[in-house]
Amino acid sequence: ERDITFRNIPEIKEITVSTFVPAGLKDPNVLIVARAVLLAM
């Protein structure tokens, strides 16, 4: 940990959004819906 100064103020770098749907193995439509939801968000 480094002390916060005017040179290293914490900021948002990136955000990762993921989803895990095991039901997509039987029904591929679940994966399509999950991908469409993440695309819209």
ModelCIF file with pLDDT and N, C-alpha, C, O atoms, coordinates in Angstrom:
data_MODEL
#
_entry.id   MODEL 
#
_entity.id                         1 
_entity.type                       polymer 
_entity.pdbx_number_of_molecules   1 
#
_entity_poly.entity_id                      1 
_entity_poly.type                           'polypeptide(L)' 
_entity_poly.nstd_linkage                   no 
_entity_poly.nstd_monomer                   no 
_entity_poly.pdbx_seq_one_letter_code       ERDITFRNIPEIKEITVSTFVPAGLKDPNVLIVARAVLLAM 
_entity_poly.pdbx_seq_one_letter_code_can   ERDITFRNIPEIKEITVSTFVPAGLKDPNVLIVARAVLLAM 
_entity_poly.pdbx_strand_id                 A 
#
loop_
_entity_poly_seq.entity_id 
_entity_poly_seq.num 
_entity_poly_seq.mon_id 
_entity_poly_seq.hetero 
1 1  GLU n 
1 2  ARG n 
1 3  ASP n 
1 4  ILE n 
1 5  THR n 
1 6  PHE n 
1 7  ARG n 
1 8  ASN n 
1 9  ILE n 
1 10 PRO n 
1 11 GLU n 
1 12 ILE n 
1 13 LYS n 
1 14 GLU n 
1 15 ILE n 
1 16 THR n 
1 17 VAL n 
1 18 SER n 
1 19 THR n 
1 20 PHE n 
1 21 VAL n 
1 22 PRO n 
1 23 ALA n 
1 24 GLY n 
1 25 LEU n 
1 26 LYS n 
1 27 ASP n 
1 28 PRO n 
1 29 ASN n 
1 30 VAL n 
1 31 LEU n 
1 32 ILE n 
1 33 VAL n 
1 34 ALA n 
1 35 ARG n 
1 36 ALA n 
1 37 VAL n 
1 38 LEU n 
1 39 LEU n 
1 40 ALA n 
1 41 MET n 
#
_struct_asym.id          A 
_struct_asym.entity_id   1 
#
loop_
_ma_qa_metric.id 
_ma_qa_metric.mode 
_ma_qa_metric.name 
_ma_qa_metric.software_group_id 
_ma_qa_metric.type 
1 global pLDDT . pLDDT 
2 local  pLDDT . pLDDT 
#
_ma_qa_metric_global.metric_id      1 
_ma_qa_metric_global.metric_value   90.37 
_ma_qa_metric_global.model_id       1 
_ma_qa_metric_global.ordinal_id     1 
#
loop_
_ma_qa_metric_local.label_asym_id 
_ma_qa_metric_local.label_comp_id 
_ma_qa_metric_local.label_seq_id 
_ma_qa_metric_local.metric_id 
_ma_qa_metric_local.metric_value 
_ma_qa_metric_local.model_id 
_ma_qa_metric_local.ordinal_id 
A GLU 1  2 87.00 1 1  
A ARG 2  2 89.00 1 2  
A ASP 3  2 88.00 1 3  
A ILE 4  2 90.00 1 4  
A THR 5  2 88.00 1 5  
A PHE 6  2 88.00 1 6  
A ARG 7  2 88.00 1 7  
A ASN 8  2 90.00 1 8  
A ILE 9  2 93.00 1 9  
A PRO 10 2 94.00 1 10 
A GLU 11 2 94.00 1 11 
A ILE 12 2 95.00 1 12 
A LYS 13 2 95.00 1 13 
A GLU 14 2 96.00 1 14 
A ILE 15 2 97.00 1 15 
A THR 16 2 96.00 1 16 
A VAL 17 2 96.00 1 17 
A SER 18 2 95.00 1 18 
A THR 19 2 94.00 1 19 
A PHE 20 2 90.00 1 20 
A VAL 21 2 89.00 1 21 
A PRO 22 2 83.00 1 22 
A ALA 23 2 83.00 1 23 
A GLY 24 2 80.00 1 24 
A LEU 25 2 80.00 1 25 
A LYS 26 2 82.00 1 26 
A ASP 27 2 84.00 1 27 
A PRO 28 2 85.00 1 28 
A ASN 29 2 88.00 1 29 
A VAL 30 2 89.00 1 30 
A LEU 31 2 91.00 1 31 
A ILE 32 2 91.00 1 32 
A VAL 33 2 92.00 1 33 
A ALA 34 2 92.00 1 34 
A ARG 35 2 93.00 1 35 
A ALA 36 2 93.00 1 36 
A VAL 37 2 93.00 1 37 
A LEU 38 2 94.00 1 38 
A LEU 39 2 94.00 1 39 
A ALA 40 2 93.00 1 40 
A MET 41 2 93.00 1 41 
#
loop_
_atom_site.group_PDB 
_atom_site.id 
_atom_site.type_symbol 
_atom_site.label_atom_id 
_atom_site.label_alt_id 
_atom_site.label_comp_id 
_atom_site.label_asym_id 
_atom_site.label_entity_id 
_atom_site.label_seq_id 
_atom_site.pdbx_PDB_ins_code 
_atom_site.Cartn_x 
_atom_site.Cartn_y 
_atom_site.Cartn_z 
_atom_site.occupancy 
_atom_site.B_iso_or_equiv 
_atom_site.pdbx_formal_charge 
_atom_site.auth_seq_id 
_atom_site.auth_comp_id 
_atom_site.auth_asym_id 
_atom_site.auth_atom_id 
_atom_site.pdbx_PDB_model_num 
ATOM 1   N N  . GLU A 1 1  ? 0.833   -1.203  0.000   1.00 87.00 ? 1  GLU A N  1 
ATOM 2   C CA . GLU A 1 1  ? 0.000   0.000   0.000   1.00 87.00 ? 1  GLU A CA 1 
ATOM 3   C C  . GLU A 1 1  ? 0.871   1.258   0.000   1.00 87.00 ? 1  GLU A C  1 
ATOM 4   O O  . GLU A 1 1  ? 1.827   1.361   0.768   1.00 87.00 ? 1  GLU A O  1 
ATOM 5   N N  . ARG A 1 2  ? 0.537   2.186   -0.848  1.00 89.00 ? 2  ARG A N  1 
ATOM 6   C CA . ARG A 1 2  ? 1.224   3.474   -0.920  1.00 89.00 ? 2  ARG A CA 1 
ATOM 7   C C  . ARG A 1 2  ? 0.287   4.585   -0.441  1.00 89.00 ? 2  ARG A C  1 
ATOM 8   O O  . ARG A 1 2  ? -0.928  4.510   -0.624  1.00 89.00 ? 2  ARG A O  1 
ATOM 9   N N  . ASP A 1 3  ? 0.860   5.596   0.162   1.00 88.00 ? 3  ASP A N  1 
ATOM 10  C CA . ASP A 1 3  ? 0.058   6.712   0.640   1.00 88.00 ? 3  ASP A CA 1 
ATOM 11  C C  . ASP A 1 3  ? -0.548  7.460   -0.550  1.00 88.00 ? 3  ASP A C  1 
ATOM 12  O O  . ASP A 1 3  ? 0.081   7.598   -1.600  1.00 88.00 ? 3  ASP A O  1 
ATOM 13  N N  . ILE A 1 4  ? -1.778  7.938   -0.364  1.00 90.00 ? 4  ILE A N  1 
ATOM 14  C CA . ILE A 1 4  ? -2.479  8.676   -1.417  1.00 90.00 ? 4  ILE A CA 1 
ATOM 15  C C  . ILE A 1 4  ? -1.937  10.102  -1.472  1.00 90.00 ? 4  ILE A C  1 
ATOM 16  O O  . ILE A 1 4  ? -1.990  10.828  -0.480  1.00 90.00 ? 4  ILE A O  1 
ATOM 17  N N  . THR A 1 5  ? -1.431  10.488  -2.599  1.00 88.00 ? 5  THR A N  1 
ATOM 18  C CA . THR A 1 5  ? -0.972  11.850  -2.855  1.00 88.00 ? 5  THR A CA 1 
ATOM 19  C C  . THR A 1 5  ? -1.654  12.355  -4.120  1.00 88.00 ? 5  THR A C  1 
ATOM 20  O O  . THR A 1 5  ? -2.483  11.667  -4.716  1.00 88.00 ? 5  THR A O  1 
ATOM 21  N N  . PHE A 1 6  ? -1.289  13.568  -4.514  1.00 88.00 ? 6  PHE A N  1 
ATOM 22  C CA . PHE A 1 6  ? -1.883  14.116  -5.728  1.00 88.00 ? 6  PHE A CA 1 
ATOM 23  C C  . PHE A 1 6  ? -1.402  13.389  -6.980  1.00 88.00 ? 6  PHE A C  1 
ATOM 24  O O  . PHE A 1 6  ? -1.944  13.605  -8.064  1.00 88.00 ? 6  PHE A O  1 
ATOM 25  N N  . ARG A 1 7  ? -0.400  12.538  -6.846  1.00 88.00 ? 7  ARG A N  1 
ATOM 26  C CA . ARG A 1 7  ? 0.127   11.816  -7.990  1.00 88.00 ? 7  ARG A CA 1 
ATOM 27  C C  . ARG A 1 7  ? -0.558  10.467  -8.213  1.00 88.00 ? 7  ARG A C  1 
ATOM 28  O O  . ARG A 1 7  ? -0.579  9.966   -9.337  1.00 88.00 ? 7  ARG A O  1 
ATOM 29  N N  . ASN A 1 8  ? -1.115  9.877   -7.159  1.00 90.00 ? 8  ASN A N  1 
ATOM 30  C CA . ASN A 1 8  ? -1.689  8.528   -7.284  1.00 90.00 ? 8  ASN A CA 1 
ATOM 31  C C  . ASN A 1 8  ? -3.043  8.446   -6.596  1.00 90.00 ? 8  ASN A C  1 
ATOM 32  O O  . ASN A 1 8  ? -3.261  7.577   -5.751  1.00 90.00 ? 8  ASN A O  1 
ATOM 33  N N  . ILE A 1 9  ? -3.957  9.349   -6.953  1.00 93.00 ? 9  ILE A N  1 
ATOM 34  C CA . ILE A 1 9  ? -5.316  9.288   -6.407  1.00 93.00 ? 9  ILE A CA 1 
ATOM 35  C C  . ILE A 1 9  ? -6.032  8.107   -7.054  1.00 93.00 ? 9  ILE A C  1 
ATOM 36  O O  . ILE A 1 9  ? -6.015  7.991   -8.280  1.00 93.00 ? 9  ILE A O  1 
ATOM 37  N N  . PRO A 1 10 ? -6.662  7.223   -6.272  1.00 94.00 ? 10 PRO A N  1 
ATOM 38  C CA . PRO A 1 10 ? -7.326  6.046   -6.866  1.00 94.00 ? 10 PRO A CA 1 
ATOM 39  C C  . PRO A 1 10 ? -8.437  6.450   -7.834  1.00 94.00 ? 10 PRO A C  1 
ATOM 40  O O  . PRO A 1 10 ? -9.191  7.387   -7.570  1.00 94.00 ? 10 PRO A O  1 
ATOM 41  N N  . GLU A 1 11 ? -8.527  5.746   -8.937  1.00 94.00 ? 11 GLU A N  1 
ATOM 42  C CA . GLU A 1 11 ? -9.556  5.956   -9.947  1.00 94.00 ? 11 GLU A CA 1 
ATOM 43  C C  . GLU A 1 11 ? -10.087 4.613   -10.424 1.00 94.00 ? 11 GLU A C  1 
ATOM 44  O O  . GLU A 1 11 ? -9.522  3.560   -10.128 1.00 94.00 ? 11 GLU A O  1 
ATOM 45  N N  . ILE A 1 12 ? -11.185 4.674   -11.168 1.00 95.00 ? 12 ILE A N  1 
ATOM 46  C CA . ILE A 1 12 ? -11.757 3.468   -11.777 1.00 95.00 ? 12 ILE A CA 1 
ATOM 47  C C  . ILE A 1 12 ? -10.972 3.155   -13.048 1.00 95.00 ? 12 ILE A C  1 
ATOM 48  O O  . ILE A 1 12 ? -10.857 3.997   -13.938 1.00 95.00 ? 12 ILE A O  1 
ATOM 49  N N  . LYS A 1 13 ? -10.444 1.959   -13.125 1.00 95.00 ? 13 LYS A N  1 
ATOM 50  C CA . LYS A 1 13 ? -9.645  1.568   -14.278 1.00 95.00 ? 13 LYS A CA 1 
ATOM 51  C C  . LYS A 1 13 ? -10.470 0.785   -15.295 1.00 95.00 ? 13 LYS A C  1 
ATOM 52  O O  . LYS A 1 13 ? -10.465 1.111   -16.482 1.00 95.00 ? 13 LYS A O  1 
ATOM 53  N N  . GLU A 1 14 ? -11.175 -0.240  -14.836 1.00 96.00 ? 14 GLU A N  1 
ATOM 54  C CA . GLU A 1 14 ? -12.012 -1.057  -15.727 1.00 96.00 ? 14 GLU A CA 1 
ATOM 55  C C  . GLU A 1 14 ? -13.030 -1.808  -14.891 1.00 96.00 ? 14 GLU A C  1 
ATOM 56  O O  . GLU A 1 14 ? -12.865 -1.970  -13.682 1.00 96.00 ? 14 GLU A O  1 
ATOM 57  N N  . ILE A 1 15 ? -14.082 -2.261  -15.548 1.00 97.00 ? 15 ILE A N  1 
ATOM 58  C CA . ILE A 1 15 ? -15.137 -3.037  -14.895 1.00 97.00 ? 15 ILE A CA 1 
ATOM 59  C C  . ILE A 1 15 ? -15.421 -4.259  -15.758 1.00 97.00 ? 15 ILE A C  1 
ATOM 60  O O  . ILE A 1 15 ? -15.669 -4.137  -16.958 1.00 97.00 ? 15 ILE A O  1 
ATOM 61  N N  . THR A 1 16 ? -15.384 -5.428  -15.146 1.00 96.00 ? 16 THR A N  1 
ATOM 62  C CA . THR A 1 16 ? -15.653 -6.685  -15.837 1.00 96.00 ? 16 THR A CA 1 
ATOM 63  C C  . THR A 1 16 ? -16.988 -7.232  -15.349 1.00 96.00 ? 16 THR A C  1 
ATOM 64  O O  . THR A 1 16 ? -17.198 -7.405  -14.148 1.00 96.00 ? 16 THR A O  1 
ATOM 65  N N  . VAL A 1 17 ? -17.881 -7.501  -16.286 1.00 96.00 ? 17 VAL A N  1 
ATOM 66  C CA . VAL A 1 17 ? -19.198 -8.071  -15.978 1.00 96.00 ? 17 VAL A CA 1 
ATOM 67  C C  . VAL A 1 17 ? -19.248 -9.458  -16.608 1.00 96.00 ? 17 VAL A C  1 
ATOM 68  O O  . VAL A 1 17 ? -19.070 -9.601  -17.817 1.00 96.00 ? 17 VAL A O  1 
ATOM 69  N N  . SER A 1 18 ? -19.488 -10.468 -15.797 1.00 95.00 ? 18 SER A N  1 
ATOM 70  C CA . SER A 1 18 ? -19.505 -11.855 -16.274 1.00 95.00 ? 18 SER A CA 1 
ATOM 71  C C  . SER A 1 18 ? -20.729 -12.562 -15.735 1.00 95.00 ? 18 SER A C  1 
ATOM 72  O O  . SER A 1 18 ? -21.303 -12.160 -14.723 1.00 95.00 ? 18 SER A O  1 
ATOM 73  N N  . THR A 1 19 ? -21.117 -13.610 -16.415 1.00 94.00 ? 19 THR A N  1 
ATOM 74  C CA . THR A 1 19 ? -22.250 -14.437 -15.990 1.00 94.00 ? 19 THR A CA 1 
ATOM 75  C C  . THR A 1 19 ? -21.925 -15.895 -16.262 1.00 94.00 ? 19 THR A C  1 
ATOM 76  O O  . THR A 1 19 ? -21.222 -16.223 -17.217 1.00 94.00 ? 19 THR A O  1 
ATOM 77  N N  . PHE A 1 20 ? -22.451 -16.767 -15.401 1.00 90.00 ? 20 PHE A N  1 
ATOM 78  C CA . PHE A 1 20 ? -22.218 -18.205 -15.505 1.00 90.00 ? 20 PHE A CA 1 
ATOM 79  C C  . PHE A 1 20 ? -23.569 -18.897 -15.538 1.00 90.00 ? 20 PHE A C  1 
ATOM 80  O O  . PHE A 1 20 ? -24.330 -18.837 -14.572 1.00 90.00 ? 20 PHE A O  1 
ATOM 81  N N  . VAL A 1 21 ? -23.863 -19.550 -16.646 1.00 89.00 ? 21 VAL A N  1 
ATOM 82  C CA . VAL A 1 21 ? -25.159 -20.211 -16.839 1.00 89.00 ? 21 VAL A CA 1 
ATOM 83  C C  . VAL A 1 21 ? -24.913 -21.663 -17.260 1.00 89.00 ? 21 VAL A C  1 
ATOM 84  O O  . VAL A 1 21 ? -24.797 -21.939 -18.454 1.00 89.00 ? 21 VAL A O  1 
ATOM 85  N N  . PRO A 1 22 ? -24.832 -22.595 -16.307 1.00 83.00 ? 22 PRO A N  1 
ATOM 86  C CA . PRO A 1 22 ? -24.640 -24.007 -16.672 1.00 83.00 ? 22 PRO A CA 1 
ATOM 87  C C  . PRO A 1 22 ? -25.803 -24.570 -17.467 1.00 83.00 ? 22 PRO A C  1 
ATOM 88  O O  . PRO A 1 22 ? -25.640 -25.553 -18.190 1.00 83.00 ? 22 PRO A O  1 
ATOM 89  N N  . ALA A 1 23 ? -26.986 -23.956 -17.342 1.00 83.00 ? 23 ALA A N  1 
ATOM 90  C CA . ALA A 1 23 ? -28.139 -24.468 -18.096 1.00 83.00 ? 23 ALA A CA 1 
ATOM 91  C C  . ALA A 1 23 ? -27.971 -24.278 -19.595 1.00 83.00 ? 23 ALA A C  1 
ATOM 92  O O  . ALA A 1 23 ? -28.728 -24.851 -20.379 1.00 83.00 ? 23 ALA A O  1 
ATOM 93  N N  . GLY A 1 24 ? -26.996 -23.488 -20.003 1.00 80.00 ? 24 GLY A N  1 
ATOM 94  C CA . GLY A 1 24 ? -26.766 -23.300 -21.435 1.00 80.00 ? 24 GLY A CA 1 
ATOM 95  C C  . GLY A 1 24 ? -26.230 -24.523 -22.131 1.00 80.00 ? 24 GLY A C  1 
ATOM 96  O O  . GLY A 1 24 ? -26.246 -24.579 -23.361 1.00 80.00 ? 24 GLY A O  1 
ATOM 97  N N  . LEU A 1 25 ? -25.752 -25.514 -21.387 1.00 80.00 ? 25 LEU A N  1 
ATOM 98  C CA . LEU A 1 25 ? -25.290 -26.739 -22.018 1.00 80.00 ? 25 LEU A CA 1 
ATOM 99  C C  . LEU A 1 25 ? -26.450 -27.511 -22.633 1.00 80.00 ? 25 LEU A C  1 
ATOM 100 O O  . LEU A 1 25 ? -26.299 -28.148 -23.676 1.00 80.00 ? 25 LEU A O  1 
ATOM 101 N N  . LYS A 1 26 ? -27.613 -27.450 -21.978 1.00 82.00 ? 26 LYS A N  1 
ATOM 102 C CA . LYS A 1 26 ? -28.779 -28.159 -22.516 1.00 82.00 ? 26 LYS A CA 1 
ATOM 103 C C  . LYS A 1 26 ? -29.607 -27.281 -23.448 1.00 82.00 ? 26 LYS A C  1 
ATOM 104 O O  . LYS A 1 26 ? -30.125 -27.753 -24.459 1.00 82.00 ? 26 LYS A O  1 
ATOM 105 N N  . ASP A 1 27 ? -29.727 -26.004 -23.104 1.00 84.00 ? 27 ASP A N  1 
ATOM 106 C CA . ASP A 1 27 ? -30.543 -25.096 -23.905 1.00 84.00 ? 27 ASP A CA 1 
ATOM 107 C C  . ASP A 1 27 ? -29.668 -23.933 -24.379 1.00 84.00 ? 27 ASP A C  1 
ATOM 108 O O  . ASP A 1 27 ? -29.364 -23.042 -23.586 1.00 84.00 ? 27 ASP A O  1 
ATOM 109 N N  . PRO A 1 28 ? -29.260 -23.919 -25.630 1.00 85.00 ? 28 PRO A N  1 
ATOM 110 C CA . PRO A 1 28 ? -28.402 -22.809 -26.121 1.00 85.00 ? 28 PRO A CA 1 
ATOM 111 C C  . PRO A 1 28 ? -29.086 -21.454 -26.067 1.00 85.00 ? 28 PRO A C  1 
ATOM 112 O O  . PRO A 1 28 ? -28.404 -20.429 -26.082 1.00 85.00 ? 28 PRO A O  1 
ATOM 113 N N  . ASN A 1 29 ? -30.419 -21.415 -26.003 1.00 88.00 ? 29 ASN A N  1 
ATOM 114 C CA . ASN A 1 29 ? -31.108 -20.133 -25.937 1.00 88.00 ? 29 ASN A CA 1 
ATOM 115 C C  . ASN A 1 29 ? -30.778 -19.369 -24.654 1.00 88.00 ? 29 ASN A C  1 
ATOM 116 O O  . ASN A 1 29 ? -30.845 -18.140 -24.634 1.00 88.00 ? 29 ASN A O  1 
ATOM 117 N N  . VAL A 1 30 ? -30.425 -20.078 -23.592 1.00 89.00 ? 30 VAL A N  1 
ATOM 118 C CA . VAL A 1 30 ? -30.063 -19.415 -22.343 1.00 89.00 ? 30 VAL A CA 1 
ATOM 119 C C  . VAL A 1 30 ? -28.783 -18.600 -22.532 1.00 89.00 ? 30 VAL A C  1 
ATOM 120 O O  . VAL A 1 30 ? -28.666 -17.497 -21.998 1.00 89.00 ? 30 VAL A O  1 
ATOM 121 N N  . LEU A 1 31 ? -27.837 -19.133 -23.280 1.00 91.00 ? 31 LEU A N  1 
ATOM 122 C CA . LEU A 1 31 ? -26.600 -18.396 -23.555 1.00 91.00 ? 31 LEU A CA 1 
ATOM 123 C C  . LEU A 1 31 ? -26.868 -17.176 -24.423 1.00 91.00 ? 31 LEU A C  1 
ATOM 124 O O  . LEU A 1 31 ? -26.253 -16.127 -24.232 1.00 91.00 ? 31 LEU A O  1 
ATOM 125 N N  . ILE A 1 32 ? -27.779 -17.310 -25.370 1.00 91.00 ? 32 ILE A N  1 
ATOM 126 C CA . ILE A 1 32 ? -28.104 -16.175 -26.239 1.00 91.00 ? 32 ILE A CA 1 
ATOM 127 C C  . ILE A 1 32 ? -28.741 -15.047 -25.429 1.00 91.00 ? 32 ILE A C  1 
ATOM 128 O O  . ILE A 1 32 ? -28.417 -13.876 -25.629 1.00 91.00 ? 32 ILE A O  1 
ATOM 129 N N  . VAL A 1 33 ? -29.646 -15.400 -24.516 1.00 92.00 ? 33 VAL A N  1 
ATOM 130 C CA . VAL A 1 33 ? -30.284 -14.385 -23.675 1.00 92.00 ? 33 VAL A CA 1 
ATOM 131 C C  . VAL A 1 33 ? -29.261 -13.738 -22.745 1.00 92.00 ? 33 VAL A C  1 
ATOM 132 O O  . VAL A 1 33 ? -29.274 -12.521 -22.559 1.00 92.00 ? 33 VAL A O  1 
ATOM 133 N N  . ALA A 1 34 ? -28.374 -14.545 -22.160 1.00 92.00 ? 34 ALA A N  1 
ATOM 134 C CA . ALA A 1 34 ? -27.362 -13.999 -21.259 1.00 92.00 ? 34 ALA A CA 1 
ATOM 135 C C  . ALA A 1 34 ? -26.440 -13.034 -21.991 1.00 92.00 ? 34 ALA A C  1 
ATOM 136 O O  . ALA A 1 34 ? -26.069 -11.990 -21.454 1.00 92.00 ? 34 ALA A O  1 
ATOM 137 N N  . ARG A 1 35 ? -26.076 -13.383 -23.203 1.00 93.00 ? 35 ARG A N  1 
ATOM 138 C CA . ARG A 1 35 ? -25.199 -12.488 -23.973 1.00 93.00 ? 35 ARG A CA 1 
ATOM 139 C C  . ARG A 1 35 ? -25.923 -11.204 -24.368 1.00 93.00 ? 35 ARG A C  1 
ATOM 140 O O  . ARG A 1 35 ? -25.328 -10.126 -24.360 1.00 93.00 ? 35 ARG A O  1 
ATOM 141 N N  . ALA A 1 36 ? -27.203 -11.317 -24.713 1.00 93.00 ? 36 ALA A N  1 
ATOM 142 C CA . ALA A 1 36 ? -27.969 -10.122 -25.072 1.00 93.00 ? 36 ALA A CA 1 
ATOM 143 C C  . ALA A 1 36 ? -28.159 -9.200  -23.875 1.00 93.00 ? 36 ALA A C  1 
ATOM 144 O O  . ALA A 1 36 ? -28.131 -7.979  -24.028 1.00 93.00 ? 36 ALA A O  1 
ATOM 145 N N  . VAL A 1 37 ? -28.350 -9.762  -22.689 1.00 93.00 ? 37 VAL A N  1 
ATOM 146 C CA . VAL A 1 37 ? -28.520 -8.944  -21.485 1.00 93.00 ? 37 VAL A CA 1 
ATOM 147 C C  . VAL A 1 37 ? -27.238 -8.191  -21.161 1.00 93.00 ? 37 VAL A C  1 
ATOM 148 O O  . VAL A 1 37 ? -27.282 -6.999  -20.858 1.00 93.00 ? 37 VAL A O  1 
ATOM 149 N N  . LEU A 1 38 ? -26.097 -8.873  -21.220 1.00 94.00 ? 38 LEU A N  1 
ATOM 150 C CA . LEU A 1 38 ? -24.824 -8.207  -20.947 1.00 94.00 ? 38 LEU A CA 1 
ATOM 151 C C  . LEU A 1 38 ? -24.513 -7.152  -21.997 1.00 94.00 ? 38 LEU A C  1 
ATOM 152 O O  . LEU A 1 38 ? -23.952 -6.105  -21.675 1.00 94.00 ? 38 LEU A O  1 
ATOM 153 N N  . LEU A 1 39 ? -24.870 -7.414  -23.242 1.00 94.00 ? 39 LEU A N  1 
ATOM 154 C CA . LEU A 1 39 ? -24.663 -6.419  -24.296 1.00 94.00 ? 39 LEU A CA 1 
ATOM 155 C C  . LEU A 1 39 ? -25.497 -5.173  -24.052 1.00 94.00 ? 39 LEU A C  1 
ATOM 156 O O  . LEU A 1 39 ? -25.027 -4.058  -24.272 1.00 94.00 ? 39 LEU A O  1 
ATOM 157 N N  . ALA A 1 40 ? -26.732 -5.354  -23.597 1.00 93.00 ? 40 ALA A N  1 
ATOM 158 C CA . ALA A 1 40 ? -27.582 -4.195  -23.327 1.00 93.00 ? 40 ALA A CA 1 
ATOM 159 C C  . ALA A 1 40 ? -27.100 -3.426  -22.103 1.00 93.00 ? 40 ALA A C  1 
ATOM 160 O O  . ALA A 1 40 ? -27.186 -2.198  -22.079 1.00 93.00 ? 40 ALA A O  1 
ATOM 161 N N  . MET A 1 41 ? -26.599 -4.115  -21.095 1.00 93.00 ? 41 MET A N  1 
ATOM 162 C CA . MET A 1 41 ? -26.170 -3.450  -19.865 1.00 93.00 ? 41 MET A CA 1 
ATOM 163 C C  . MET A 1 41 ? -24.903 -2.630  -20.066 1.00 93.00 ? 41 MET A C  1 
ATOM 164 O O  . MET A 1 41 ? -24.415 -2.008  -19.122 1.00 93.00 ? 41 MET A O  1 
#
